C-alpha atoms as a PDB file:
ATOM      1  CA  UNK A   1     -10.425  14.967 -40.775  1.00  0.00           C
ATOM      2  CA  UNK A   2      -7.314  16.588 -42.346  1.00  0.00           C
ATOM      3  CA  UNK A   3      -3.502  16.723 -40.425  1.00  0.00           C
ATOM      4  CA  UNK A   4      -1.691  19.051 -42.257  1.00  0.00           C
ATOM      5  CA  UNK A   5       0.641  22.182 -41.765  1.00  0.00           C
ATOM      6  CA  UNK A   6       0.749  23.548 -44.907  1.00  0.00           C
ATOM      7  CA  UNK A   7      -2.291  25.805 -45.763  1.00  0.00           C
ATOM      8  CA  UNK A   8      -2.392  26.256 -49.042  1.00  0.00           C
ATOM      9  CA  UNK A   9      -1.977  22.920 -49.282  1.00  0.00           C
ATOM     10  CA  UNK A  10      -4.705  21.928 -46.619  1.00  0.00           C
ATOM     11  CA  UNK A  11      -7.058  24.301 -48.072  1.00  0.00           C
ATOM     12  CA  UNK A  12      -6.620  22.569 -51.483  1.00  0.00           C
ATOM     13  CA  UNK A  13      -7.297  19.150 -50.083  1.00  0.00           C
ATOM     14  CA  UNK A  14     -10.407  20.736 -48.751  1.00  0.00           C
ATOM     15  CA  UNK A  15     -12.093  22.339 -51.481  1.00  0.00           C
ATOM     16  CA  UNK A  16     -11.339  19.002 -53.351  1.00  0.00           C
ATOM     17  CA  UNK A  17     -13.430  16.787 -50.964  1.00  0.00           C
ATOM     18  CA  UNK A  18     -15.552  19.391 -50.627  1.00  0.00           C
ATOM     19  CA  UNK A  19     -17.025  19.012 -54.423  1.00  0.00           C
ATOM     20  CA  UNK A  20     -17.334  15.266 -53.410  1.00  0.00           C
ATOM     21  CA  UNK A  21     -20.544  15.134 -52.262  1.00  0.00           C
ATOM     22  CA  UNK A  22     -20.630  11.783 -50.173  1.00  0.00           C
ATOM     23  CA  UNK A  23     -17.258  12.905 -48.291  1.00  0.00           C
ATOM     24  CA  UNK A  24     -17.394  15.885 -45.203  1.00  0.00           C
ATOM     25  CA  UNK A  25     -14.215  17.162 -43.401  1.00  0.00           C
ATOM     26  CA  UNK A  26     -15.388  17.200 -40.307  1.00  0.00           C
ATOM     27  CA  UNK A  27     -11.548  18.632 -38.730  1.00  0.00           C
ATOM     28  CA  UNK A  28      -8.395  19.990 -40.069  1.00  0.00           C
ATOM     29  CA  UNK A  29      -5.458  20.402 -37.497  1.00  0.00           C
ATOM     30  CA  UNK A  30      -1.879  21.795 -38.966  1.00  0.00           C
ATOM     31  CA  UNK A  31      -0.143  19.963 -35.996  1.00  0.00           C
ATOM     32  CA  UNK A  32      -0.249  16.711 -33.824  1.00  0.00           C
ATOM     33  CA  UNK A  33      -0.811  18.344 -31.029  1.00  0.00           C
ATOM     34  CA  UNK A  34      -3.932  20.403 -32.295  1.00  0.00           C
ATOM     35  CA  UNK A  35      -4.802  16.969 -34.248  1.00  0.00           C
ATOM     36  CA  UNK A  36      -4.771  14.953 -30.590  1.00  0.00           C
ATOM     37  CA  UNK A  37      -7.255  17.036 -29.380  1.00  0.00           C
ATOM     38  CA  UNK A  38      -9.340  16.516 -32.586  1.00  0.00           C
ATOM     39  CA  UNK A  39      -9.433  12.786 -31.404  1.00  0.00           C
ATOM     40  CA  UNK A  40     -11.476  13.440 -28.867  1.00  0.00           C
ATOM     41  CA  UNK A  41     -13.772  15.913 -29.149  1.00  0.00           C
ATOM     42  CA  UNK A  42     -14.482  15.143 -33.334  1.00  0.00           C
ATOM     43  CA  UNK A  43     -15.912  11.921 -34.502  1.00  0.00           C
ATOM     44  CA  UNK A  44     -14.750  10.567 -37.923  1.00  0.00           C
ATOM     45  CA  UNK A  45     -13.777   7.909 -40.104  1.00  0.00           C
ATOM     46  CA  UNK A  46     -11.040   9.237 -41.664  1.00  0.00           C
ATOM     47  CA  UNK A  47      -8.237  11.054 -41.351  1.00  0.00           C
ATOM     48  CA  UNK A  48      -5.844  12.470 -44.137  1.00  0.00           C
ATOM     49  CA  UNK A  49      -2.248  12.697 -42.710  1.00  0.00           C
ATOM     50  CA  UNK A  50       0.953  14.565 -43.914  1.00  0.00           C
ATOM     51  CA  UNK A  51       3.917  13.188 -42.029  1.00  0.00           C
ATOM     52  CA  UNK A  52       6.166  16.267 -42.018  1.00  0.00           C
ATOM     53  CA  UNK A  53       4.603  18.372 -39.179  1.00  0.00           C
ATOM     54  CA  UNK A  54       5.792  21.170 -37.049  1.00  0.00           C
ATOM     55  CA  UNK A  55       5.774  19.209 -33.127  1.00  0.00           C
ATOM     56  CA  UNK A  56       6.782  16.018 -34.695  1.00  0.00           C
ATOM     57  CA  UNK A  57       6.260  12.971 -36.919  1.00  0.00           C
ATOM     58  CA  UNK A  58       3.149  12.176 -37.949  1.00  0.00           C
ATOM     59  CA  UNK A  59       3.056   8.646 -37.812  1.00  0.00           C
ATOM     60  CA  UNK A  60       3.558   9.320 -34.682  1.00  0.00           C
ATOM     61  CA  UNK A  61      -0.270  10.500 -34.110  1.00  0.00           C
ATOM     62  CA  UNK A  62      -1.333   7.075 -36.027  1.00  0.00           C
ATOM     63  CA  UNK A  63      -0.931   4.871 -32.815  1.00  0.00           C
ATOM     64  CA  UNK A  64      -3.561   8.067 -30.963  1.00  0.00           C
ATOM     65  CA  UNK A  65      -5.900   7.795 -33.459  1.00  0.00           C
ATOM     66  CA  UNK A  66      -6.528   4.278 -34.254  1.00  0.00           C
ATOM     67  CA  UNK A  67      -6.833   4.253 -29.464  1.00  0.00           C
ATOM     68  CA  UNK A  68      -9.703   6.946 -30.199  1.00  0.00           C
ATOM     69  CA  UNK A  69     -11.210   5.003 -32.835  1.00  0.00           C
ATOM     70  CA  UNK A  70     -10.733   1.998 -33.210  1.00  0.00           C
ATOM     71  CA  UNK A  71     -11.992   1.707 -37.211  1.00  0.00           C
ATOM     72  CA  UNK A  72     -10.569   4.852 -38.598  1.00  0.00           C
ATOM     73  CA  UNK A  73      -8.646   4.884 -42.036  1.00  0.00           C
ATOM     74  CA  UNK A  74      -5.594   6.445 -42.226  1.00  0.00           C
ATOM     75  CA  UNK A  75      -4.123   8.045 -45.727  1.00  0.00           C
ATOM     76  CA  UNK A  76      -0.773   9.270 -45.782  1.00  0.00           C
ATOM     77  CA  UNK A  77       0.521  11.593 -47.517  1.00  0.00           C
ATOM     78  CA  UNK A  78       4.124  12.264 -47.575  1.00  0.00           C
ATOM     79  CA  UNK A  79       7.160  14.402 -49.956  1.00  0.00           C
ATOM     80  CA  UNK A  80       9.506  11.575 -48.745  1.00  0.00           C
ATOM     81  CA  UNK A  81       8.193   7.869 -49.513  1.00  0.00           C
ATOM     82  CA  UNK A  82      11.963   6.360 -48.090  1.00  0.00           C
ATOM     83  CA  UNK A  83      11.664   3.085 -46.478  1.00  0.00           C
ATOM     84  CA  UNK A  84      11.702   3.479 -43.369  1.00  0.00           C
ATOM     85  CA  UNK A  85       9.084   5.824 -43.179  1.00  0.00           C
ATOM     86  CA  UNK A  86       6.736   3.261 -44.999  1.00  0.00           C
ATOM     87  CA  UNK A  87       7.888   0.660 -42.437  1.00  0.00           C
ATOM     88  CA  UNK A  88       7.475   3.005 -39.973  1.00  0.00           C
ATOM     89  CA  UNK A  89       3.086   4.474 -40.573  1.00  0.00           C
ATOM     90  CA  UNK A  90       2.761   0.849 -42.144  1.00  0.00           C
ATOM     91  CA  UNK A  91       3.619  -0.490 -38.162  1.00  0.00           C
ATOM     92  CA  UNK A  92       1.796   1.795 -36.601  1.00  0.00           C
ATOM     93  CA  UNK A  93      -0.950   1.705 -38.853  1.00  0.00           C
ATOM     94  CA  UNK A  94      -1.700   3.457 -41.615  1.00  0.00           C
ATOM     95  CA  UNK A  95      -4.250   1.898 -44.370  1.00  0.00           C
ATOM     96  CA  UNK A  96      -3.075   3.736 -47.638  1.00  0.00           C
ATOM     97  CA  UNK A  97       0.280   6.183 -48.563  1.00  0.00           C
ATOM     98  CA  UNK A  98       0.649   8.409 -50.913  1.00  0.00           C
ATOM     99  CA  UNK A  99       3.080  10.353 -52.584  1.00  0.00           C
ATOM    100  CA  UNK A 100       2.114  13.944 -51.078  1.00  0.00           C
ATOM    101  CA  UNK A 101       2.275  15.187 -55.090  1.00  0.00           C
ATOM    102  CA  UNK A 102      -0.384  12.461 -56.093  1.00  0.00           C
ATOM    103  CA  UNK A 103      -3.350  13.805 -58.472  1.00  0.00           C
ATOM    104  CA  UNK A 104      -6.904  15.038 -57.409  1.00  0.00           C
ATOM    105  CA  UNK A 105      -8.611  11.831 -58.259  1.00  0.00           C
ATOM    106  CA  UNK A 106      -6.285   9.239 -56.227  1.00  0.00           C
ATOM    107  CA  UNK A 107      -6.783  11.292 -52.806  1.00  0.00           C
ATOM    108  CA  UNK A 108     -10.565  11.223 -53.494  1.00  0.00           C
ATOM    109  CA  UNK A 109     -10.670   7.605 -53.798  1.00  0.00           C
ATOM    110  CA  UNK A 110      -7.775   7.054 -51.331  1.00  0.00           C
ATOM    111  CA  UNK A 111     -10.466   9.062 -49.048  1.00  0.00           C
ATOM    112  CA  UNK A 112     -13.827   7.519 -50.020  1.00  0.00           C
ATOM    113  CA  UNK A 113     -12.060   4.208 -50.020  1.00  0.00           C
ATOM    114  CA  UNK A 114     -11.440   4.538 -46.009  1.00  0.00           C
ATOM    115  CA  UNK A 115     -14.519   6.583 -45.014  1.00  0.00           C
ATOM    116  CA  UNK A 116     -16.550   9.616 -45.586  1.00  0.00           C
ATOM    117  CA  UNK A 117     -15.841  11.895 -42.095  1.00  0.00           C
END
């Protein structure tokens, strides 16, 4: 699942992952509320999660994701990697953290390590 509020970036990441035969995007959300709905409706192995969302901080979603699927891998993408945010997402259960400007290779590699769905 991809949780990102910027439609253009969501599209780029979706296209990038669609080129990889072992990866599948099963759901997309542009808000915490929409992502929480997907948690109950869609099975997924990993989540690419942006922190700054219109209805809150993506870190607040990590606990919900892990409760819905204890084995879910969580990749955080953020434009702000300040120490406070890093500590918050790490304590919440994020598995990997990348700068939002990470290369496509880095994003695909992290997604692959965390799961395909």
